[in-house]
């Protein structure tokens, strides 16, 4: 049995890899836009919605499902059963990946003929993405299996490898084919997705072989009483777990399309002309929402690590361990998301000006900032329910939250003095409603509920941090947007000191935090904190 807080190690690994991947991706867009220009980027992007839909249908939910079932088998020392689950899934995803890959390749011209894709020049971009569908689908089984063992390093290494190879390949082939026209160059850029996924698959296969060698030493621990499941039983169980997760993935583009239909229209009803309404919509979806998603990288990684940890405890019937892991996850999520919320709330105008050169985005960013805390809660609560095998509950809760969002979007966005803030409030409510309903079911299933101190201590510390940020903004107003470079370290120090002083961050917390915890603890003890 792993330590109750061991999933935090996987969380940190995945967080670092996510940051690296996003930094590489941001640099890639800068370079690729210089090669292709706006029109070429448009052709490149036209194939992506179809590609994303194909991989969502062919594999989304499978890694989570394999992770859950594998964690259960490993917890019961049924290593052969875990391996059997992996092999059955591998064959299943090989077939589905191949089918959807071929369908995309041979159906590309039909998508253009039927006007799903308006520009015929996007043909090369679509067919170049077809191999990626197969590799991404196939590698999903490896990722899920290794995550089920609560080993997150393979996922992190494969994601970084995938992004690096993808970027290098995109830039190389885009430049190579550019003399043949923008359509060919965009197709060349699309080849990066397949090359990246193929190399990521090789990385995962390496880690799988290493795990397989290590399992030989555990053969004596194999549970001889374990019943071998049939292939049909395994597939049925995996699909039962995976389909709701796939529906959750599909909810994201559905909600985005509903925003596209409702928000600009209701902004016009509020009195904004078409051009201004489009601009405000861009501020929300293209600037505010990405900042919220960026601020929840840690909780997204925490959710991935938490699923197999909860599944393991459930398989062993350790209810107290489930409550403890859930409590640790929510506490850590609160500690991380509250300062992100307060920082973005106080610095919205500076962030909008310095990063986007769009000060007009500040109201949308500020209104969306509280969504960081609520989205973090939603991610963690969804992971707990998935780990308990209740994957359908979060989907139903998301649908209920979506209904609330649509109603609020229609009502609040049309209020002239709210405008785009109304749509931001609706999005925040979407996160909050889904998270709160999830929390109700977690309480019903485990008896866990967030205690007031877990919520209040990070909130109070973030409040003091906010006052410190406003002080820096007042004192150093002459620095303009670059005052951010001064605000961030001051905010981090103030938040950490206040949180420690009021007991929100303890010696035990830092001891359970891998890699960084021990170092921070030693520094704190030298400064007189965290005494025995």
Protein backbone atom coordinates (compact mmCIF):
# COMPACT_ATOMS: atom_id res chain seq x y z
CA UNK A 1 0.00 0.00 0.00
CA UNK A 2 1.37 3.38 -1.00
CA UNK A 3 1.41 6.32 1.39
CA UNK A 4 -1.94 8.11 1.64
CA UNK A 5 -0.32 11.24 0.19
CA UNK A 6 1.82 9.50 -2.44
CA UNK A 7 -0.45 10.76 -5.24
CA UNK A 8 0.98 14.24 -4.60
CA UNK A 9 4.27 13.07 -6.14
CA UNK A 10 2.47 12.16 -9.36
CA UNK A 11 0.63 15.48 -9.21
CA UNK A 12 3.87 17.45 -9.06
CA UNK A 13 5.39 15.44 -11.93
CA UNK A 14 2.34 16.02 -14.15
CA UNK A 15 2.17 19.70 -13.21
CA UNK A 16 5.77 20.30 -14.26
CA UNK A 17 5.26 18.39 -17.52
CA UNK A 18 2.07 20.37 -18.27
CA UNK A 19 3.91 23.66 -17.76
CA UNK A 20 6.75 22.53 -20.02
CA UNK A 21 4.28 21.39 -22.69
CA UNK A 22 2.40 24.71 -22.60
CA UNK A 23 5.61 26.76 -22.81
CA UNK A 24 6.78 24.72 -25.83
CA UNK A 25 3.33 25.08 -27.38
CA UNK A 26 3.30 28.85 -26.90
CA UNK A 27 6.71 29.20 -28.56
CA UNK A 28 5.53 26.95 -31.37
CA UNK A 29 2.56 29.18 -32.18
CA UNK A 30 4.81 32.23 -32.35
CA UNK A 31 7.20 30.51 -34.78
CA UNK A 32 4.52 28.71 -36.81
CA UNK A 33 2.52 31.90 -37.31
CA UNK A 34 5.63 33.50 -38.78
CA UNK A 35 5.99 30.62 -41.25
CA UNK A 36 2.33 30.21 -42.28
CA UNK A 37 0.79 33.60 -41.56
CA UNK A 38 -2.86 34.09 -40.63
CA UNK A 39 -4.28 32.37 -43.71
CA UNK A 40 -2.01 29.33 -43.34
CA UNK A 41 -2.85 29.01 -39.64
CA UNK A 42 -6.53 29.12 -40.61
CA UNK A 43 -6.08 26.20 -43.03
CA UNK A 44 -4.12 24.29 -40.37
CA UNK A 45 -6.87 24.86 -37.79
CA UNK A 46 -9.73 23.76 -40.06
CA UNK A 47 -8.87 20.09 -39.73
CA UNK A 48 -8.45 20.14 -35.96
CA UNK A 49 -12.11 20.10 -34.81
CA UNK A 50 -12.67 16.94 -36.89
CA UNK A 51 -9.45 15.41 -35.53
CA UNK A 52 -10.37 16.21 -31.92
CA UNK A 53 -13.82 14.73 -32.40
CA UNK A 54 -12.29 11.55 -33.87
CA UNK A 55 -9.88 10.97 -30.96
CA UNK A 56 -12.60 11.86 -28.44
CA UNK A 57 -14.94 9.22 -29.83
CA UNK A 58 -12.20 6.62 -30.39
CA UNK A 59 -10.34 6.86 -27.07
CA UNK A 60 -11.53 9.55 -24.63
CA UNK A 61 -12.40 8.03 -21.28
CA UNK A 62 -10.38 4.88 -21.89
CA UNK A 63 -7.27 6.02 -19.94
CA UNK A 64 -9.45 6.86 -16.94
CA UNK A 65 -11.30 3.54 -17.19
CA UNK A 66 -8.08 1.48 -17.50
CA UNK A 67 -6.56 3.47 -14.65
CA UNK A 68 -9.52 2.66 -12.37
CA UNK A 69 -9.64 -1.07 -13.17
CA UNK A 70 -5.85 -1.51 -13.11
CA UNK A 71 -5.58 0.23 -9.73
CA UNK A 72 -8.21 -2.15 -8.33
CA UNK A 73 -6.39 -5.23 -9.66
CA UNK A 74 -3.01 -4.05 -8.37
CA UNK A 75 -4.47 -3.25 -4.93
CA UNK A 76 -5.71 -6.86 -4.74
CA UNK A 77 -2.32 -8.22 -5.93
CA UNK A 78 -3.99 -9.50 -9.09
CA UNK A 79 -1.09 -8.54 -11.36
CA UNK A 80 -2.06 -11.04 -14.04
CA UNK A 81 -5.58 -9.60 -14.06
CA UNK A 82 -4.18 -6.08 -14.52
CA UNK A 83 -2.02 -7.27 -17.42
CA UNK A 84 -5.03 -9.01 -18.98
CA UNK A 85 -7.08 -5.79 -18.78
CA UNK A 86 -4.26 -3.97 -20.54
CA UNK A 87 -3.93 -6.53 -23.34
CA UNK A 88 -7.67 -6.64 -24.02
CA UNK A 89 -7.80 -2.83 -24.13
CA UNK A 90 -4.74 -2.70 -26.38
CA UNK A 91 -6.46 -4.89 -28.98
CA UNK A 92 -9.69 -2.90 -28.69
CA UNK A 93 -7.98 0.47 -29.17
CA UNK A 94 -5.84 -0.85 -32.01
CA UNK A 95 -9.04 -1.63 -33.91
CA UNK A 96 -10.92 1.58 -33.04
CA UNK A 97 -7.86 3.73 -33.71
CA UNK A 98 -7.32 2.12 -37.10
CA UNK A 99 -11.00 2.45 -38.07
CA UNK A 100 -11.24 6.14 -37.19
CA UNK A 101 -7.85 6.89 -38.74
CA UNK A 102 -8.85 5.31 -42.05
CA UNK A 103 -12.28 6.96 -41.88
CA UNK A 104 -10.67 10.38 -41.53
CA UNK A 105 -8.18 9.72 -44.35
CA UNK A 106 -10.69 8.42 -46.88
CA UNK A 107 -13.51 10.70 -45.73
CA UNK A 108 -11.54 13.95 -45.99
CA UNK A 109 -12.80 14.74 -49.49
CA UNK A 110 -16.39 13.98 -48.45
CA UNK A 111 -16.11 16.50 -45.59
CA UNK A 112 -15.17 19.12 -48.18
CA UNK A 113 -17.80 18.02 -50.71
CA UNK A 114 -20.51 18.16 -48.04
CA UNK A 115 -19.30 21.65 -46.97
CA UNK A 116 -18.39 20.63 -43.40
CA UNK A 117 -15.02 22.12 -44.31
CA UNK A 118 -15.61 25.29 -46.31
CA UNK A 119 -12.13 25.69 -47.80
CA UNK A 120 -11.04 22.85 -50.12
CA UNK A 121 -7.40 23.72 -49.48
CA UNK A 122 -7.74 22.20 -45.97
CA UNK A 123 -7.78 18.71 -47.54
CA UNK A 124 -4.06 18.18 -46.95
CA UNK A 125 -4.36 19.25 -43.31
CA UNK A 126 -7.12 16.68 -42.70
CA UNK A 127 -5.40 13.68 -44.28
CA UNK A 128 -2.11 14.57 -42.57
CA UNK A 129 -3.91 14.30 -39.20
CA UNK A 130 -5.30 10.81 -39.93
CA UNK A 131 -2.22 8.84 -38.68
CA UNK A 132 -2.29 10.82 -35.42
CA UNK A 133 -5.79 9.47 -34.67
CA UNK A 134 -4.44 5.91 -34.69
CA UNK A 135 -1.36 6.61 -32.56
CA UNK A 136 -3.17 8.82 -30.02
CA UNK A 137 -5.90 6.19 -29.61
CA UNK A 138 -3.43 3.32 -29.32
CA UNK A 139 -1.19 5.05 -26.75
CA UNK A 140 -4.22 5.79 -24.54
CA UNK A 141 -4.12 2.18 -23.32
CA UNK A 142 -0.47 2.49 -22.25
CA UNK A 143 -1.09 5.78 -20.42
CA UNK A 144 -4.12 4.43 -18.59
CA UNK A 145 -2.37 1.20 -17.57
CA UNK A 146 0.73 2.94 -16.21
CA UNK A 147 -1.40 5.54 -14.41
CA UNK A 148 -3.30 2.64 -12.82
CA UNK A 149 -0.01 1.61 -11.22
CA UNK A 150 0.17 5.22 -9.94
CA UNK A 151 3.30 5.80 -12.03
CA UNK A 152 2.96 9.27 -13.56
CA UNK A 153 6.50 9.73 -14.93
CA UNK A 154 5.71 7.85 -18.19
CA UNK A 155 2.74 10.13 -18.89
CA UNK A 156 4.83 13.23 -18.18
CA UNK A 157 7.78 12.08 -20.33
CA UNK A 158 5.51 11.01 -23.19
CA UNK A 159 3.65 14.35 -23.18
CA UNK A 160 6.87 16.36 -23.30
CA UNK A 161 8.30 14.08 -26.02
CA UNK A 162 5.09 14.34 -28.01
CA UNK A 163 5.08 18.13 -27.86
CA UNK A 164 8.78 18.50 -28.71
CA UNK A 165 8.65 16.16 -31.70
CA UNK A 166 5.37 17.68 -32.83
CA UNK A 167 6.77 21.21 -32.79
CA UNK A 168 10.02 20.34 -34.57
CA UNK A 169 8.16 18.30 -37.22
CA UNK A 170 5.50 20.97 -37.72
CA UNK A 171 8.02 23.73 -38.26
CA UNK A 172 10.25 21.59 -40.52
CA UNK A 173 7.53 20.33 -42.85
CA UNK A 174 5.65 23.64 -42.89
CA UNK A 175 8.83 25.35 -44.09
CA UNK A 176 9.70 22.49 -46.47
CA UNK A 177 6.33 22.50 -48.23
CA UNK A 178 5.79 26.28 -48.17
CA UNK A 179 7.22 26.77 -51.71
CA UNK A 180 4.42 24.47 -52.94
CA UNK A 181 1.72 26.72 -51.51
CA UNK A 182 -0.06 27.43 -48.23
CA UNK A 183 -2.30 24.35 -48.50
CA UNK A 184 0.74 22.05 -48.70
CA UNK A 185 2.52 23.94 -45.91
CA UNK A 186 -0.53 23.65 -43.62
CA UNK A 187 -0.67 19.93 -44.40
CA UNK A 188 3.03 19.66 -43.54
CA UNK A 189 2.39 21.35 -40.20
CA UNK A 190 -0.41 18.87 -39.49
CA UNK A 191 2.04 15.98 -39.91
CA UNK A 192 3.55 17.00 -36.57
CA UNK A 193 0.60 15.54 -34.64
CA UNK A 194 1.22 12.01 -35.96
CA UNK A 195 5.01 12.19 -35.52
CA UNK A 196 4.64 13.44 -31.95
CA UNK A 197 2.09 10.76 -31.03
CA UNK A 198 4.27 8.02 -32.54
CA UNK A 199 7.32 9.08 -30.49
CA UNK A 200 5.17 9.39 -27.36
CA UNK A 201 4.03 5.80 -27.98
CA UNK A 202 7.65 4.64 -28.14
CA UNK A 203 8.37 6.33 -24.80
CA UNK A 204 5.37 4.65 -23.17
CA UNK A 205 6.36 1.26 -24.59
CA UNK A 206 9.81 1.69 -23.02
CA UNK A 207 8.30 2.36 -19.58
CA UNK A 208 5.87 -0.52 -20.03
CA UNK A 209 8.73 -2.95 -20.74
CA UNK A 210 10.56 -1.67 -17.66
CA UNK A 211 7.46 -2.21 -15.51
CA UNK A 212 7.04 -5.68 -16.98
CA UNK A 213 10.58 -6.63 -15.94
CA UNK A 214 9.90 -5.37 -12.42
CA UNK A 215 6.75 -7.48 -12.18
CA UNK A 216 8.78 -10.68 -12.40
CA UNK A 217 9.97 -10.04 -8.86
CA UNK A 218 6.33 -9.83 -7.69
CA UNK A 219 5.17 -13.14 -9.12
CA UNK A 220 5.27 -14.72 -5.68
CA UNK A 221 2.80 -12.08 -4.44
CA UNK A 222 0.20 -12.88 -7.11
CA UNK A 223 -3.26 -13.47 -5.62
CA UNK A 224 -3.98 -17.07 -6.62
CA UNK A 225 -7.66 -16.72 -5.63
CA UNK A 226 -8.29 -13.95 -8.16
CA UNK A 227 -10.94 -14.85 -10.75
CA UNK A 228 -9.93 -14.31 -14.38
CA UNK A 229 -12.41 -12.08 -16.20
CA UNK A 230 -13.44 -12.86 -19.75
CA UNK A 231 -12.54 -10.44 -22.55
CA UNK A 232 -16.19 -9.52 -23.05
CA UNK A 233 -16.58 -8.80 -19.33
CA UNK A 234 -13.50 -6.57 -19.31
CA UNK A 235 -14.63 -4.64 -22.41
CA UNK A 236 -18.14 -4.23 -21.00
CA UNK A 237 -16.79 -2.91 -17.71
CA UNK A 238 -14.33 -0.54 -19.38
CA UNK A 239 -16.99 0.86 -21.69
CA UNK A 240 -19.35 1.37 -18.77
CA UNK A 241 -16.68 3.46 -17.04
CA UNK A 242 -15.31 5.16 -20.18
CA UNK A 243 -18.50 6.27 -21.94
CA UNK A 244 -19.52 8.81 -19.27
CA UNK A 245 -15.95 10.22 -19.30
CA UNK A 246 -16.17 10.51 -23.10
CA UNK A 247 -19.45 12.36 -22.74
CA UNK A 248 -17.75 14.71 -20.27
CA UNK A 249 -15.10 15.43 -22.92
CA UNK A 250 -17.81 16.05 -25.51
CA UNK A 251 -19.58 18.47 -23.16
CA UNK A 252 -16.70 20.95 -23.46
CA UNK A 253 -17.11 21.63 -27.22
CA UNK A 254 -20.90 21.54 -26.82
CA UNK A 255 -20.78 24.24 -24.14
CA UNK A 256 -18.31 26.26 -26.27
CA UNK A 257 -20.70 26.10 -29.24
CA UNK A 258 -23.61 27.19 -27.05
CA UNK A 259 -21.53 30.19 -25.95
CA UNK A 260 -20.86 30.97 -29.61
CA UNK A 261 -24.59 30.93 -30.35
CA UNK A 262 -25.77 32.85 -27.29
CA UNK A 263 -23.13 35.33 -26.06
CA UNK A 264 -22.63 37.54 -29.16
CA UNK A 265 -26.39 37.61 -29.77
CA UNK A 266 -27.18 38.68 -26.19
CA UNK A 267 -24.39 41.27 -26.22
CA UNK A 268 -26.10 42.81 -29.24
CA UNK A 269 -29.36 42.75 -27.27
CA UNK A 270 -27.52 44.69 -24.54
CA UNK A 271 -26.81 47.45 -27.05
CA UNK A 272 -23.37 46.55 -28.42
CA UNK A 273 -22.85 46.58 -32.18
CA UNK A 274 -21.70 43.41 -33.97
CA UNK A 275 -18.04 44.39 -34.05
CA UNK A 276 -17.91 45.30 -30.35
CA UNK A 277 -19.83 42.15 -29.38
CA UNK A 278 -17.31 40.01 -31.28
CA UNK A 279 -14.45 41.82 -29.56
CA UNK A 280 -15.95 41.26 -26.11
CA UNK A 281 -16.57 37.58 -26.93
CA UNK A 282 -12.89 37.27 -27.85
CA UNK A 283 -11.89 38.85 -24.53
CA UNK A 284 -13.83 36.18 -22.65
CA UNK A 285 -13.13 33.01 -24.65
CA UNK A 286 -9.68 33.86 -26.02
CA UNK A 287 -8.15 35.64 -23.02
CA UNK A 288 -10.03 35.16 -19.72
CA UNK A 289 -10.86 31.44 -20.08
CA UNK A 290 -7.28 30.42 -21.08
CA UNK A 291 -5.93 32.24 -18.01
CA UNK A 292 -8.32 30.27 -15.77
CA UNK A 293 -7.29 27.02 -17.45
CA UNK A 294 -3.62 27.92 -17.04
CA UNK A 295 -4.17 28.64 -13.34
CA UNK A 296 -5.70 25.18 -12.80
CA UNK A 297 -2.85 23.13 -14.29
CA UNK A 298 -2.01 21.84 -10.81
CA UNK A 299 -5.55 20.74 -9.95
CA UNK A 300 -5.92 19.10 -13.38
CA UNK A 301 -2.75 17.09 -12.67
CA UNK A 302 -4.00 16.38 -9.15
CA UNK A 303 -7.21 14.93 -10.62
CA UNK A 304 -5.28 12.51 -12.87
CA UNK A 305 -3.18 11.25 -9.93
CA UNK A 306 -6.16 11.05 -7.60
CA UNK A 307 -8.29 8.68 -9.71
CA UNK A 308 -6.14 5.52 -9.27
CA UNK A 309 -5.36 6.43 -5.65
CA UNK A 310 -9.06 6.54 -4.76
CA UNK A 311 -9.74 3.42 -6.86
CA UNK A 312 -7.03 1.52 -4.97
CA UNK A 313 -8.52 2.45 -1.58
CA UNK A 314 -12.03 1.55 -2.75
CA UNK A 315 -10.87 -1.88 -3.99
CA UNK A 316 -9.43 -2.60 -0.55
CA UNK A 317 -12.54 -1.34 1.24
CA UNK A 318 -10.62 1.37 3.08
CA UNK A 319 -13.24 4.07 3.52
CA UNK A 320 -11.11 6.07 5.93
CA UNK A 321 -8.30 6.16 3.38
CA UNK A 322 -10.74 7.46 0.74
CA UNK A 323 -11.84 10.24 3.08
CA UNK A 324 -8.23 11.08 3.93
CA UNK A 325 -7.09 11.20 0.30
CA UNK A 326 -10.14 13.28 -0.61
CA UNK A 327 -9.46 15.68 2.26
CA UNK A 328 -5.79 16.08 1.33
CA UNK A 329 -6.69 16.71 -2.31
CA UNK A 330 -9.28 19.40 -1.52
CA UNK A 331 -7.02 21.06 1.04
CA UNK A 332 -4.11 21.24 -1.40
CA UNK A 333 -6.45 22.46 -4.16
CA UNK A 334 -7.68 25.29 -1.92
CA UNK A 335 -4.14 26.28 -0.94
CA UNK A 336 -3.14 26.52 -4.61
CA UNK A 337 -6.24 28.03 -6.23
CA UNK A 338 -7.11 30.82 -3.77
CA UNK A 339 -3.91 32.84 -4.32
CA UNK A 340 -4.27 32.34 -8.10
CA UNK A 341 -7.80 33.72 -7.92
CA UNK A 342 -6.83 36.71 -5.79
CA UNK A 343 -3.75 37.49 -7.86
CA UNK A 344 -5.69 37.46 -11.14
CA UNK A 345 -8.52 39.49 -9.59
CA UNK A 346 -6.20 42.24 -8.39
CA UNK A 347 -3.92 42.23 -11.43
CA UNK A 348 -6.53 41.75 -14.17
CA UNK A 349 -5.87 45.11 -15.80
CA UNK A 350 -2.07 44.69 -15.73
CA UNK A 351 -2.27 41.12 -17.07
CA UNK A 352 -4.63 42.17 -19.87
CA UNK A 353 -2.34 45.02 -20.86
CA UNK A 354 1.04 43.31 -20.61
CA UNK A 355 0.23 39.81 -21.90
CA UNK A 356 -2.55 40.51 -24.41
CA UNK A 357 -2.08 44.22 -25.08
CA UNK A 358 -5.85 44.43 -24.60
CA UNK A 359 -6.77 46.44 -21.45
CA UNK A 360 -10.43 46.04 -22.43
CA UNK A 361 -10.23 42.35 -21.45
CA UNK A 362 -9.73 43.26 -17.76
CA UNK A 363 -13.45 43.15 -16.74
CA UNK A 364 -13.90 39.67 -18.23
CA UNK A 365 -10.66 38.43 -16.64
CA UNK A 366 -11.59 39.87 -13.26
CA UNK A 367 -15.10 38.37 -13.33
CA UNK A 368 -13.70 34.97 -14.37
CA UNK A 369 -10.99 34.87 -11.68
CA UNK A 370 -13.17 33.26 -8.96
CA UNK A 371 -13.73 30.47 -11.46
CA UNK A 372 -10.19 29.26 -10.69
CA UNK A 373 -11.26 28.07 -7.23
CA UNK A 374 -14.53 26.57 -8.45
CA UNK A 375 -12.98 24.85 -11.48
CA UNK A 376 -10.29 23.39 -9.20
CA UNK A 377 -13.01 22.02 -6.91
CA UNK A 378 -14.83 20.59 -9.91
CA UNK A 379 -11.71 18.84 -11.23
CA UNK A 380 -10.88 17.28 -7.86
CA UNK A 381 -14.47 16.26 -7.04
CA UNK A 382 -14.86 14.70 -10.49
CA UNK A 383 -11.67 12.69 -9.93
CA UNK A 384 -12.92 11.40 -6.56
CA UNK A 385 -16.21 10.22 -8.08
CA UNK A 386 -14.41 8.63 -11.04
CA UNK A 387 -12.02 6.86 -8.68
CA UNK A 388 -15.03 5.42 -6.87
CA UNK A 389 -16.32 4.07 -10.17
CA UNK A 390 -19.20 6.58 -10.32
CA UNK A 391 -18.17 8.07 -13.65
CA UNK A 392 -21.73 8.86 -14.74
CA UNK A 393 -22.44 11.23 -11.83
CA UNK A 394 -20.09 14.06 -12.98
CA UNK A 395 -21.59 13.94 -16.49
CA UNK A 396 -25.14 14.39 -15.23
CA UNK A 397 -23.96 17.17 -12.93
CA UNK A 398 -22.23 18.91 -15.86
CA UNK A 399 -25.46 18.76 -17.86
CA UNK A 400 -27.38 20.33 -14.96
CA UNK A 401 -24.70 23.01 -14.62
CA UNK A 402 -24.82 23.64 -18.37
CA UNK A 403 -28.55 24.35 -18.16
CA UNK A 404 -27.89 26.89 -15.41
CA UNK A 405 -25.15 28.48 -17.51
CA UNK A 406 -27.35 28.81 -20.59
CA UNK A 407 -30.12 30.47 -18.54
CA UNK A 408 -27.68 32.90 -16.89
CA UNK A 409 -25.92 33.60 -20.19
CA UNK A 410 -29.22 34.49 -21.84
CA UNK A 411 -30.30 36.70 -18.91
CA UNK A 412 -27.14 38.38 -17.58
CA UNK A 413 -25.25 39.01 -20.82
CA UNK A 414 -28.13 41.11 -22.13
CA UNK A 415 -27.97 43.44 -19.09
CA UNK A 416 -26.21 46.58 -20.43
CA UNK A 417 -24.18 47.37 -17.31
CA UNK A 418 -22.97 43.74 -17.08
CA UNK A 419 -22.36 42.84 -20.72
CA UNK A 420 -19.50 40.36 -21.04
CA UNK A 421 -19.23 40.23 -17.24
CA UNK A 422 -22.64 38.56 -17.27
CA UNK A 423 -21.32 35.79 -19.50
CA UNK A 424 -18.26 35.42 -17.26
CA UNK A 425 -20.53 35.11 -14.22
CA UNK A 426 -22.52 32.43 -16.05
CA UNK A 427 -19.32 30.46 -16.75
CA UNK A 428 -18.25 30.74 -13.12
CA UNK A 429 -21.70 29.54 -12.04
CA UNK A 430 -21.30 26.59 -14.40
CA UNK A 431 -18.11 25.52 -12.58
CA UNK A 432 -19.65 26.17 -9.17
CA UNK A 433 -22.92 24.29 -9.70
CA UNK A 434 -21.12 21.24 -11.09
CA UNK A 435 -18.62 21.27 -8.19
CA UNK A 436 -21.29 21.68 -5.49
CA UNK A 437 -23.45 18.85 -6.82
CA UNK A 438 -20.33 16.66 -7.02
CA UNK A 439 -19.57 17.55 -3.40
CA UNK A 440 -23.08 16.48 -2.37
CA UNK A 441 -22.55 13.04 -3.90
CA UNK A 442 -19.08 12.72 -2.36
CA UNK A 443 -20.61 13.43 1.07
CA UNK A 444 -23.38 10.93 0.40
CA UNK A 445 -20.92 8.20 -0.67
CA UNK A 446 -18.02 8.81 1.74
CA UNK A 447 -19.23 11.12 4.50
CA UNK A 448 -16.55 13.69 3.61
CA UNK A 449 -17.30 17.42 3.54
CA UNK A 450 -14.96 20.40 3.42
CA UNK A 451 -14.48 21.85 6.90
CA UNK A 452 -14.66 25.62 7.43
CA UNK A 453 -10.95 26.04 8.36
CA UNK A 454 -9.86 24.27 5.14
CA UNK A 455 -11.79 26.92 3.22
CA UNK A 456 -11.21 29.98 5.40
CA UNK A 457 -7.45 29.80 6.02
CA UNK A 458 -6.44 30.00 2.34
CA UNK A 459 -9.17 32.62 1.78
CA UNK A 460 -7.92 34.86 4.61
CA UNK A 461 -4.30 34.43 3.50
CA UNK A 462 -5.26 35.26 -0.09
CA UNK A 463 -7.15 38.34 1.17
CA UNK A 464 -4.05 39.65 2.97
CA UNK A 465 -2.03 38.85 -0.16
CA UNK A 466 -4.50 40.91 -2.20
CA UNK A 467 -4.01 43.91 0.08
CA UNK A 468 -0.23 43.54 -0.36
CA UNK A 469 -0.63 43.46 -4.16
CA UNK A 470 -2.72 46.64 -4.10
CA UNK A 471 -0.02 48.27 -1.96
CA UNK A 472 2.68 47.35 -4.47
CA UNK A 473 0.51 48.64 -7.33
CA UNK A 474 0.10 51.96 -5.52
CA UNK A 475 3.78 52.36 -4.58
CA UNK A 476 5.21 51.20 -7.93
CA UNK A 477 2.54 52.59 -10.26
CA UNK A 478 5.21 54.13 -12.47
CA UNK A 479 6.36 50.72 -13.70
CA UNK A 480 3.22 50.18 -15.76
CA UNK A 481 2.51 46.55 -16.69
CA UNK A 482 5.97 45.46 -15.60
CA UNK A 483 4.88 45.95 -11.99
CA UNK A 484 3.72 42.32 -12.33
CA UNK A 485 7.33 41.21 -11.93
CA UNK A 486 7.37 42.87 -8.51
CA UNK A 487 3.86 41.89 -7.45
CA UNK A 488 4.24 38.14 -8.00
CA UNK A 489 7.18 37.47 -5.61
CA UNK A 490 5.72 39.82 -2.97
CA UNK A 491 2.36 38.06 -3.24
CA UNK A 492 3.94 34.60 -2.93
CA UNK A 493 5.93 35.57 0.19
CA UNK A 494 3.00 37.29 1.91
CA UNK A 495 0.63 34.42 1.16
CA UNK A 496 3.09 31.79 2.40
CA UNK A 497 3.90 33.69 5.60
CA UNK A 498 0.26 34.40 6.50
CA UNK A 499 -0.87 30.86 5.66
CA UNK A 500 1.87 29.42 7.87
CA UNK A 501 1.15 31.87 10.70
CA UNK A 502 -2.55 30.96 10.93
CA UNK A 503 -1.89 27.21 10.68
CA UNK A 504 -2.96 26.73 7.09
CA UNK A 505 0.40 25.21 6.14
CA UNK A 506 1.98 22.76 8.60
CA UNK A 507 5.20 20.79 8.97
CA UNK A 508 3.30 17.62 8.06
CA UNK A 509 2.04 19.25 4.85
CA UNK A 510 5.55 20.02 3.69
CA UNK A 511 6.85 16.59 4.68
CA UNK A 512 4.19 14.99 2.47
CA UNK A 513 5.09 17.21 -0.50
CA UNK A 514 7.69 15.43 -2.66
CA UNK A 515 10.87 17.07 -3.94
CA UNK A 516 10.16 20.65 -2.83
CA UNK A 517 8.57 20.08 0.58
CA UNK A 518 11.75 19.14 2.43
CA UNK A 519 13.68 22.09 1.04
CA UNK A 520 10.94 24.58 1.92
CA UNK A 521 10.68 23.06 5.41
CA UNK A 522 14.42 23.47 6.06
CA UNK A 523 14.35 27.09 4.91
CA UNK A 524 11.31 27.78 7.08
CA UNK A 525 12.91 26.19 10.14
CA UNK A 526 16.00 28.34 9.69
CA UNK A 527 13.71 31.38 9.71
CA UNK A 528 12.03 30.20 12.91
CA UNK A 529 8.91 28.56 11.50
CA UNK A 530 7.67 24.94 11.67
CA UNK A 531 9.25 24.26 15.05
CA UNK A 532 8.78 20.87 16.70
